[in-house]
Amino acid sequence: MQRKHNDEYPEKRQQQFKSYRKDADYSYALGAFPTFELINSKPDIVRKVLVHTDFTDSEKLSLLCAQNHIPFEFNDKLISRISSKENCYVAGVFTKYQSELREDRPHLVLVNPGNMGNLGTIIRTAVGFGIYDAAIILPGADIFAPKTVRASMGALFKLSFQLYHSFEEYRQQFRRHEIFTFMTNGGKALSLKKIPQVKLYSLVFGNEASGLDNSYLKVGTSIYIPQTPEVDSLNLTIAVGIGIFAFKSVNPSQNM
């Protein structure tokens, strides 16, 4: 059944895919779950689904591809070439795309995120807590890198994101959003009792190595997450999770 399904799309079957490159116009969702999420969320951008012959749920995946007119192909060799994981049995090939932030929803703002795995985990956390819009201030990790996509477990495809060359560029576009910068030397301690009730807000975090520089102390309200003096700072992904959970608990503008 699966091999016949692949033959239904001869014009796409001959596409040649290589190891991921940032300058390419396509990327990969590596793994069965991220690929299912890709198809269910954005079927129009899926070029092909590659499956290893050892994959045990190929019938279900083949049917979903057929329903969405997506080419389906068994190709053990290509999956091994594009994936660094030995246990990867599915790869969804998708076209890179652009999206825009919604002005009527709260935002997560990541300034110069440096690690693709962390970026993917943060995206998964944000979507899990009901934040569906993220601004990335460049330079930063590649949001379309397979490592980012896989770490997000497909949550990337449920997120609206936009890239900016500076924080000021983002700020000029969303002047109605109240800014909250998370810094180890922030002016106010994070507390559920003191978080203001506000519909439009932006939670701003720096990168893993240096956080936000002191200029952000003058932008909006600076916040620090209380912690013991035994550690220098919290991991970025943990800090983002705490910050989002706290603000969404007080401002549940969308269902969690």
C-alpha atoms as a PDB file:
ATOM      1  CA  MET A   1       0.000   0.000   0.000  1.00  0.00           C
ATOM      2  CA  GLN A   2       2.696   2.495   1.000  1.00  0.00           C
ATOM      3  CA  ARG A   3       4.863   2.017  -2.097  1.00  0.00           C
ATOM      4  CA  LYS A   4       1.871   2.411  -4.409  1.00  0.00           C
ATOM      5  CA  HIS A   5       0.935   5.599  -2.562  1.00  0.00           C
ATOM      6  CA  ASN A   6       4.380   7.018  -3.305  1.00  0.00           C
ATOM      7  CA  ASP A   7       3.926   6.354  -7.028  1.00  0.00           C
ATOM      8  CA  GLU A   8       0.833   8.573  -7.107  1.00  0.00           C
ATOM      9  CA  TYR A   9       3.105  11.650  -7.070  1.00  0.00           C
ATOM     10  CA  PRO A  10       5.718  11.105  -9.833  1.00  0.00           C
ATOM     11  CA  GLU A  11       6.382  14.836 -10.156  1.00  0.00           C
ATOM     12  CA  LYS A  12       7.566  14.977  -6.517  1.00  0.00           C
ATOM     13  CA  ARG A  13       9.050  11.523  -6.176  1.00  0.00           C
ATOM     14  CA  GLN A  14      12.331  12.471  -7.843  1.00  0.00           C
ATOM     15  CA  GLN A  15      13.160  15.361  -5.511  1.00  0.00           C
ATOM     16  CA  GLN A  16      16.660  14.987  -4.098  1.00  0.00           C
ATOM     17  CA  PHE A  17      17.102  15.843  -0.428  1.00  0.00           C
ATOM     18  CA  LYS A  18      20.452  16.317   1.283  1.00  0.00           C
ATOM     19  CA  SER A  19      21.762  16.862   4.785  1.00  0.00           C
ATOM     20  CA  TYR A  20      20.305  20.010   6.327  1.00  0.00           C
ATOM     21  CA  ARG A  21      21.753  23.383   5.344  1.00  0.00           C
ATOM     22  CA  LYS A  22      20.660  26.675   6.831  1.00  0.00           C
ATOM     23  CA  ASP A  23      20.532  28.307   3.396  1.00  0.00           C
ATOM     24  CA  ALA A  24      18.276  25.588   1.955  1.00  0.00           C
ATOM     25  CA  ASP A  25      14.569  26.304   1.490  1.00  0.00           C
ATOM     26  CA  TYR A  26      13.507  23.121   3.285  1.00  0.00           C
ATOM     27  CA  SER A  27      14.153  21.333   6.554  1.00  0.00           C
ATOM     28  CA  TYR A  28      13.246  18.115   8.369  1.00  0.00           C
ATOM     29  CA  ALA A  29      10.961  17.104  11.202  1.00  0.00           C
ATOM     30  CA  LEU A  30      12.880  14.111  12.525  1.00  0.00           C
ATOM     31  CA  GLY A  31      10.900  11.488  14.390  1.00  0.00           C
ATOM     32  CA  ALA A  32       7.388  10.108  14.168  1.00  0.00           C
ATOM     33  CA  PHE A  33       5.710  12.456  16.658  1.00  0.00           C
ATOM     34  CA  PRO A  34       7.113  15.711  15.209  1.00  0.00           C
ATOM     35  CA  THR A  35       6.169  14.494  11.730  1.00  0.00           C
ATOM     36  CA  PHE A  36       2.589  13.751  12.765  1.00  0.00           C
ATOM     37  CA  GLU A  37       2.419  17.218  14.342  1.00  0.00           C
ATOM     38  CA  LEU A  38       3.800  18.754  11.143  1.00  0.00           C
ATOM     39  CA  ILE A  39       1.173  17.072   8.972  1.00  0.00           C
ATOM     40  CA  ASN A  40      -1.708  17.834  11.325  1.00  0.00           C
ATOM     41  CA  SER A  41      -0.693  21.478  11.778  1.00  0.00           C
ATOM     42  CA  LYS A  42       0.711  22.528   8.387  1.00  0.00           C
ATOM     43  CA  PRO A  43       0.007  19.886   5.727  1.00  0.00           C
ATOM     44  CA  ASP A  44       0.436  22.386   2.878  1.00  0.00           C
ATOM     45  CA  ILE A  45       4.163  22.842   3.539  1.00  0.00           C
ATOM     46  CA  VAL A  46       5.027  19.124   3.641  1.00  0.00           C
ATOM     47  CA  ARG A  47       7.015  18.033   0.596  1.00  0.00           C
ATOM     48  CA  LYS A  48       7.443  14.369   1.446  1.00  0.00           C
ATOM     49  CA  VAL A  49       7.460  11.919   4.327  1.00  0.00           C
ATOM     50  CA  LEU A  50      10.367   9.493   4.522  1.00  0.00           C
ATOM     51  CA  VAL A  51       9.953   6.274   6.473  1.00  0.00           C
ATOM     52  CA  HIS A  52      12.387   3.577   7.594  1.00  0.00           C
ATOM     53  CA  THR A  53      11.357   0.008   6.874  1.00  0.00           C
ATOM     54  CA  ASP A  54      11.654  -0.786  10.597  1.00  0.00           C
ATOM     55  CA  PHE A  55       8.961   1.754  11.500  1.00  0.00           C
ATOM     56  CA  THR A  56       6.046  -0.138  13.051  1.00  0.00           C
ATOM     57  CA  ASP A  57       3.225   2.367  12.469  1.00  0.00           C
ATOM     58  CA  SER A  58       3.688   3.011   8.754  1.00  0.00           C
ATOM     59  CA  GLU A  59       0.066   2.176   7.857  1.00  0.00           C
ATOM     60  CA  LYS A  60      -1.312   5.003  10.006  1.00  0.00           C
ATOM     61  CA  LEU A  61       1.232   7.464   8.701  1.00  0.00           C
ATOM     62  CA  SER A  62       0.694   6.407   5.102  1.00  0.00           C
ATOM     63  CA  LEU A  63      -3.063   6.918   5.447  1.00  0.00           C
ATOM     64  CA  LEU A  64      -2.574  10.402   6.906  1.00  0.00           C
ATOM     65  CA  CYS A  65      -0.233  11.293   4.041  1.00  0.00           C
ATOM     66  CA  ALA A  66      -2.721   9.998   1.480  1.00  0.00           C
ATOM     67  CA  GLN A  67      -5.511  12.065   3.024  1.00  0.00           C
ATOM     68  CA  ASN A  68      -3.359  15.181   2.688  1.00  0.00           C
ATOM     69  CA  HIS A  69      -1.888  14.322  -0.738  1.00  0.00           C
ATOM     70  CA  ILE A  70       1.635  14.083   0.655  1.00  0.00           C
ATOM     71  CA  PRO A  71       4.217  11.821  -1.047  1.00  0.00           C
ATOM     72  CA  PHE A  72       5.265   8.878   1.141  1.00  0.00           C
ATOM     73  CA  GLU A  73       8.491   6.959   0.629  1.00  0.00           C
ATOM     74  CA  PHE A  74      10.434   4.161   2.297  1.00  0.00           C
ATOM     75  CA  ASN A  75      14.074   5.237   2.237  1.00  0.00           C
ATOM     76  CA  ASP A  76      16.353   3.819   4.944  1.00  0.00           C
ATOM     77  CA  LYS A  77      19.507   5.224   3.370  1.00  0.00           C
ATOM     78  CA  LEU A  78      18.288   8.821   3.151  1.00  0.00           C
ATOM     79  CA  ILE A  79      16.944   8.825   6.717  1.00  0.00           C
ATOM     80  CA  SER A  80      20.317   7.613   7.975  1.00  0.00           C
ATOM     81  CA  ARG A  81      22.077  10.359   6.045  1.00  0.00           C
ATOM     82  CA  ILE A  82      19.954  13.272   7.242  1.00  0.00           C
ATOM     83  CA  SER A  83      19.552  12.168  10.869  1.00  0.00           C
ATOM     84  CA  SER A  84      22.287  11.919  13.485  1.00  0.00           C
ATOM     85  CA  LYS A  85      20.033   9.743  15.646  1.00  0.00           C
ATOM     86  CA  GLU A  86      20.208   5.979  15.158  1.00  0.00           C
ATOM     87  CA  ASN A  87      16.625   5.511  16.341  1.00  0.00           C
ATOM     88  CA  CYS A  88      15.062   7.934  13.839  1.00  0.00           C
ATOM     89  CA  TYR A  89      12.543   6.083  11.670  1.00  0.00           C
ATOM     90  CA  VAL A  90      10.517   8.939  10.197  1.00  0.00           C
ATOM     91  CA  ALA A  91      11.420  12.279   8.613  1.00  0.00           C
ATOM     92  CA  GLY A  92       8.964  14.881   7.377  1.00  0.00           C
ATOM     93  CA  VAL A  93      10.448  17.142   4.710  1.00  0.00           C
ATOM     94  CA  PHE A  94       8.883  20.601   4.808  1.00  0.00           C
ATOM     95  CA  THR A  95       9.305  23.954   3.111  1.00  0.00           C
ATOM     96  CA  LYS A  96      10.536  26.758   5.336  1.00  0.00           C
ATOM     97  CA  TYR A  97       7.940  29.443   5.850  1.00  0.00           C
ATOM     98  CA  GLN A  98       7.359  32.879   7.311  1.00  0.00           C
ATOM     99  CA  SER A  99       4.806  33.839   9.926  1.00  0.00           C
ATOM    100  CA  GLU A 100       3.758  36.989  11.770  1.00  0.00           C
ATOM    101  CA  LEU A 101       3.037  37.685  15.403  1.00  0.00           C
ATOM    102  CA  ARG A 102      -0.504  38.459  16.420  1.00  0.00           C
ATOM    103  CA  GLU A 103      -0.931  41.847  18.040  1.00  0.00           C
ATOM    104  CA  ASP A 104      -3.814  40.701  20.238  1.00  0.00           C
ATOM    105  CA  ARG A 105      -1.884  38.009  22.131  1.00  0.00           C
ATOM    106  CA  PRO A 106       0.972  37.987  24.665  1.00  0.00           C
ATOM    107  CA  HIS A 107       4.477  37.404  23.312  1.00  0.00           C
ATOM    108  CA  LEU A 108       7.649  35.630  24.294  1.00  0.00           C
ATOM    109  CA  VAL A 109      10.774  37.532  23.212  1.00  0.00           C
ATOM    110  CA  LEU A 110      14.109  35.702  23.012  1.00  0.00           C
ATOM    111  CA  VAL A 111      17.156  37.923  22.610  1.00  0.00           C
ATOM    112  CA  ASN A 112      20.007  36.134  20.798  1.00  0.00           C
ATOM    113  CA  PRO A 113      19.146  32.532  21.789  1.00  0.00           C
ATOM    114  CA  GLY A 114      22.262  30.493  21.134  1.00  0.00           C
ATOM    115  CA  ASN A 115      21.366  26.816  21.491  1.00  0.00           C
ATOM    116  CA  MET A 116      19.073  25.012  19.048  1.00  0.00           C
ATOM    117  CA  GLY A 117      18.063  22.335  21.541  1.00  0.00           C
ATOM    118  CA  ASN A 118      17.172  24.952  24.143  1.00  0.00           C
ATOM    119  CA  LEU A 119      15.246  26.969  21.570  1.00  0.00           C
ATOM    120  CA  GLY A 120      13.155  23.945  20.662  1.00  0.00           C
ATOM    121  CA  THR A 121      12.476  23.118  24.304  1.00  0.00           C
ATOM    122  CA  ILE A 122      11.464  26.722  24.999  1.00  0.00           C
ATOM    123  CA  ILE A 123       9.051  26.653  22.058  1.00  0.00           C
ATOM    124  CA  ARG A 124       7.494  23.443  23.382  1.00  0.00           C
ATOM    125  CA  THR A 125       7.193  24.988  26.847  1.00  0.00           C
ATOM    126  CA  ALA A 126       5.649  28.207  25.534  1.00  0.00           C
ATOM    127  CA  VAL A 127       3.004  26.399  23.493  1.00  0.00           C
ATOM    128  CA  GLY A 128       2.352  24.033  26.401  1.00  0.00           C
ATOM    129  CA  PHE A 129       1.529  26.986  28.658  1.00  0.00           C
ATOM    130  CA  GLY A 130      -0.501  28.877  26.061  1.00  0.00           C
ATOM    131  CA  ILE A 131       1.963  31.363  24.555  1.00  0.00           C
ATOM    132  CA  TYR A 132       1.645  31.046  20.770  1.00  0.00           C
ATOM    133  CA  ASP A 133       3.725  34.020  19.603  1.00  0.00           C
ATOM    134  CA  ALA A 134       7.506  34.340  19.864  1.00  0.00           C
ATOM    135  CA  ALA A 135       9.893  37.032  18.646  1.00  0.00           C
ATOM    136  CA  ILE A 136      13.524  36.102  18.100  1.00  0.00           C
ATOM    137  CA  ILE A 137      16.068  38.912  18.161  1.00  0.00           C
ATOM    138  CA  LEU A 138      18.962  38.087  15.838  1.00  0.00           C
ATOM    139  CA  PRO A 139      21.594  36.821  15.800  1.00  0.00           C
ATOM    140  CA  GLY A 140      20.213  33.610  17.188  1.00  0.00           C
ATOM    141  CA  ALA A 141      19.861  29.869  16.811  1.00  0.00           C
ATOM    142  CA  ASP A 142      18.260  28.556  13.630  1.00  0.00           C
ATOM    143  CA  ILE A 143      14.568  27.999  14.335  1.00  0.00           C
ATOM    144  CA  PHE A 144      14.270  25.621  11.362  1.00  0.00           C
ATOM    145  CA  ALA A 145      17.273  23.435  12.212  1.00  0.00           C
ATOM    146  CA  PRO A 146      16.177  19.797  12.625  1.00  0.00           C
ATOM    147  CA  LYS A 147      17.569  19.827  16.182  1.00  0.00           C
ATOM    148  CA  THR A 148      15.307  22.765  17.046  1.00  0.00           C
ATOM    149  CA  VAL A 149      12.276  21.155  15.405  1.00  0.00           C
ATOM    150  CA  ARG A 150      12.840  17.842  17.154  1.00  0.00           C
ATOM    151  CA  ALA A 151      13.395  19.449  20.569  1.00  0.00           C
ATOM    152  CA  SER A 152      10.103  21.301  20.124  1.00  0.00           C
ATOM    153  CA  MET A 153       8.378  17.944  19.468  1.00  0.00           C
ATOM    154  CA  GLY A 154       6.483  19.599  16.641  1.00  0.00           C
ATOM    155  CA  ALA A 155       5.253  22.524  18.775  1.00  0.00           C
ATOM    156  CA  LEU A 156       7.076  24.829  16.344  1.00  0.00           C
ATOM    157  CA  PHE A 157       4.284  24.226  13.825  1.00  0.00           C
ATOM    158  CA  LYS A 158       1.704  25.593  16.285  1.00  0.00           C
ATOM    159  CA  LEU A 159       3.680  28.747  16.995  1.00  0.00           C
ATOM    160  CA  SER A 160       3.669  32.108  15.247  1.00  0.00           C
ATOM    161  CA  PHE A 161       7.188  33.508  15.198  1.00  0.00           C
ATOM    162  CA  GLN A 162       8.985  36.466  13.714  1.00  0.00           C
ATOM    163  CA  LEU A 163      12.673  37.347  13.408  1.00  0.00           C
ATOM    164  CA  TYR A 164      13.971  40.838  14.211  1.00  0.00           C
ATOM    165  CA  HIS A 165      17.355  42.471  13.784  1.00  0.00           C
ATOM    166  CA  SER A 166      17.019  44.365  17.070  1.00  0.00           C
ATOM    167  CA  PHE A 167      14.790  44.592  20.118  1.00  0.00           C
ATOM    168  CA  GLU A 168      13.942  48.158  19.147  1.00  0.00           C
ATOM    169  CA  GLU A 169      12.570  46.913  15.831  1.00  0.00           C
ATOM    170  CA  TYR A 170      10.255  44.569  17.716  1.00  0.00           C
ATOM    171  CA  ARG A 171       9.313  47.288  20.207  1.00  0.00           C
ATOM    172  CA  GLN A 172       8.354  49.730  17.471  1.00  0.00           C
ATOM    173  CA  GLN A 173       5.892  47.209  16.060  1.00  0.00           C
ATOM    174  CA  PHE A 174       4.181  46.302  19.331  1.00  0.00           C
ATOM    175  CA  ARG A 175       3.943  49.461  21.398  1.00  0.00           C
ATOM    176  CA  ARG A 176       0.753  48.316  23.140  1.00  0.00           C
ATOM    177  CA  HIS A 177       2.516  45.380  24.805  1.00  0.00           C
ATOM    178  CA  GLU A 178       3.785  45.916  28.335  1.00  0.00           C
ATOM    179  CA  ILE A 179       7.406  44.793  28.603  1.00  0.00           C
ATOM    180  CA  PHE A 180       8.771  42.539  31.355  1.00  0.00           C
ATOM    181  CA  THR A 181      12.480  41.748  31.193  1.00  0.00           C
ATOM    182  CA  PHE A 182      13.833  38.776  33.130  1.00  0.00           C
ATOM    183  CA  MET A 183      17.273  39.503  34.578  1.00  0.00           C
ATOM    184  CA  THR A 184      19.327  38.198  37.497  1.00  0.00           C
ATOM    185  CA  ASN A 185      19.699  41.810  38.661  1.00  0.00           C
ATOM    186  CA  GLY A 186      16.094  42.762  37.936  1.00  0.00           C
ATOM    187  CA  GLY A 187      14.326  45.338  40.041  1.00  0.00           C
ATOM    188  CA  LYS A 188      11.359  43.258  41.239  1.00  0.00           C
ATOM    189  CA  ALA A 189      11.088  39.686  42.483  1.00  0.00           C
ATOM    190  CA  LEU A 190       8.731  37.405  40.551  1.00  0.00           C
ATOM    191  CA  SER A 191       5.676  36.803  42.712  1.00  0.00           C
ATOM    192  CA  LEU A 192       2.210  35.577  41.774  1.00  0.00           C
ATOM    193  CA  LYS A 193       0.750  38.126  44.181  1.00  0.00           C
ATOM    194  CA  LYS A 194       2.492  41.042  42.473  1.00  0.00           C
ATOM    195  CA  ILE A 195       2.162  40.165  38.793  1.00  0.00           C
ATOM    196  CA  PRO A 196      -0.135  42.782  37.234  1.00  0.00           C
ATOM    197  CA  GLN A 197      -3.259  41.770  35.405  1.00  0.00           C
ATOM    198  CA  VAL A 198      -2.566  42.807  31.842  1.00  0.00           C
ATOM    199  CA  LYS A 199      -3.838  41.400  28.550  1.00  0.00           C
ATOM    200  CA  LEU A 200      -0.953  42.347  26.270  1.00  0.00           C
ATOM    201  CA  TYR A 201       2.536  41.694  27.556  1.00  0.00           C
ATOM    202  CA  SER A 202       5.957  40.637  26.318  1.00  0.00           C
ATOM    203  CA  LEU A 203       8.212  38.412  28.428  1.00  0.00           C
ATOM    204  CA  VAL A 204      11.811  39.099  27.427  1.00  0.00           C
ATOM    205  CA  PHE A 205      14.725  36.734  28.071  1.00  0.00           C
ATOM    206  CA  GLY A 206      18.405  36.901  27.116  1.00  0.00           C
ATOM    207  CA  ASN A 207      20.635  34.112  25.867  1.00  0.00           C
ATOM    208  CA  GLU A 208      22.092  31.198  27.800  1.00  0.00           C
ATOM    209  CA  ALA A 209      25.548  32.681  28.361  1.00  0.00           C
ATOM    210  CA  SER A 210      25.063  36.341  29.225  1.00  0.00           C
ATOM    211  CA  GLY A 211      21.344  36.984  29.657  1.00  0.00           C
ATOM    212  CA  LEU A 212      20.169  40.544  28.998  1.00  0.00           C
ATOM    213  CA  ASP A 213      22.596  43.435  29.266  1.00  0.00           C
ATOM    214  CA  ASN A 214      21.965  46.294  31.701  1.00  0.00           C
ATOM    215  CA  SER A 215      20.285  48.462  29.076  1.00  0.00           C
ATOM    216  CA  TYR A 216      17.197  46.274  29.513  1.00  0.00           C
ATOM    217  CA  LEU A 217      16.860  47.501  33.104  1.00  0.00           C
ATOM    218  CA  LYS A 218      15.435  50.669  31.590  1.00  0.00           C
ATOM    219  CA  VAL A 219      12.937  48.825  29.356  1.00  0.00           C
ATOM    220  CA  GLY A 220       9.565  48.198  30.956  1.00  0.00           C
ATOM    221  CA  THR A 221       9.659  46.307  34.265  1.00  0.00           C
ATOM    222  CA  SER A 222      12.717  44.232  35.121  1.00  0.00           C
ATOM    223  CA  ILE A 223      12.088  41.022  37.066  1.00  0.00           C
ATOM    224  CA  TYR A 224      14.305  38.482  38.779  1.00  0.00           C
ATOM    225  CA  ILE A 225      13.326  34.948  39.767  1.00  0.00           C
ATOM    226  CA  PRO A 226      14.165  34.365  43.453  1.00  0.00           C
ATOM    227  CA  GLN A 227      16.712  31.582  43.965  1.00  0.00           C
ATOM    228  CA  THR A 228      19.300  30.456  46.477  1.00  0.00           C
ATOM    229  CA  PRO A 229      22.835  31.892  46.289  1.00  0.00           C
ATOM    230  CA  GLU A 230      24.157  28.371  45.713  1.00  0.00           C
ATOM    231  CA  VAL A 231      23.880  28.720  41.928  1.00  0.00           C
ATOM    232  CA  ASP A 232      24.847  31.541  39.611  1.00  0.00           C
ATOM    233  CA  SER A 233      21.594  31.503  37.618  1.00  0.00           C
ATOM    234  CA  LEU A 234      18.816  29.241  36.434  1.00  0.00           C
ATOM    235  CA  ASN A 235      18.951  27.423  33.125  1.00  0.00           C
ATOM    236  CA  LEU A 236      17.290  29.543  30.430  1.00  0.00           C
ATOM    237  CA  THR A 237      14.656  26.944  29.580  1.00  0.00           C
ATOM    238  CA  ILE A 238      13.718  26.610  33.260  1.00  0.00           C
ATOM    239  CA  ALA A 239      13.566  30.383  33.720  1.00  0.00           C
ATOM    240  CA  VAL A 240      11.313  30.781  30.677  1.00  0.00           C
ATOM    241  CA  GLY A 241       9.013  28.037  31.935  1.00  0.00           C
ATOM    242  CA  ILE A 242       8.717  29.652  35.361  1.00  0.00           C
ATOM    243  CA  GLY A 243       8.102  33.099  33.898  1.00  0.00           C
ATOM    244  CA  ILE A 244       5.449  31.982  31.426  1.00  0.00           C
ATOM    245  CA  PHE A 245       3.651  29.819  33.987  1.00  0.00           C
ATOM    246  CA  ALA A 246       3.544  32.671  36.490  1.00  0.00           C
ATOM    247  CA  PHE A 247       2.158  35.226  34.029  1.00  0.00           C
ATOM    248  CA  LYS A 248      -0.350  32.804  32.506  1.00  0.00           C
ATOM    249  CA  SER A 249      -1.576  31.852  35.986  1.00  0.00           C
ATOM    250  CA  VAL A 250      -2.436  35.487  36.696  1.00  0.00           C
ATOM    251  CA  ASN A 251      -3.441  36.391  33.141  1.00  0.00           C
ATOM    252  CA  PRO A 252      -5.117  33.299  31.658  1.00  0.00           C
ATOM    253  CA  SER A 253      -6.103  35.024  28.408  1.00  0.00           C
ATOM    254  CA  GLN A 254      -6.055  31.655  26.629  1.00  0.00           C
ATOM    255  CA  ASN A 255      -6.875  28.172  27.819  1.00  0.00           C
ATOM    256  CA  MET A 256      -4.029  26.116  29.260  1.00  0.00           C
END
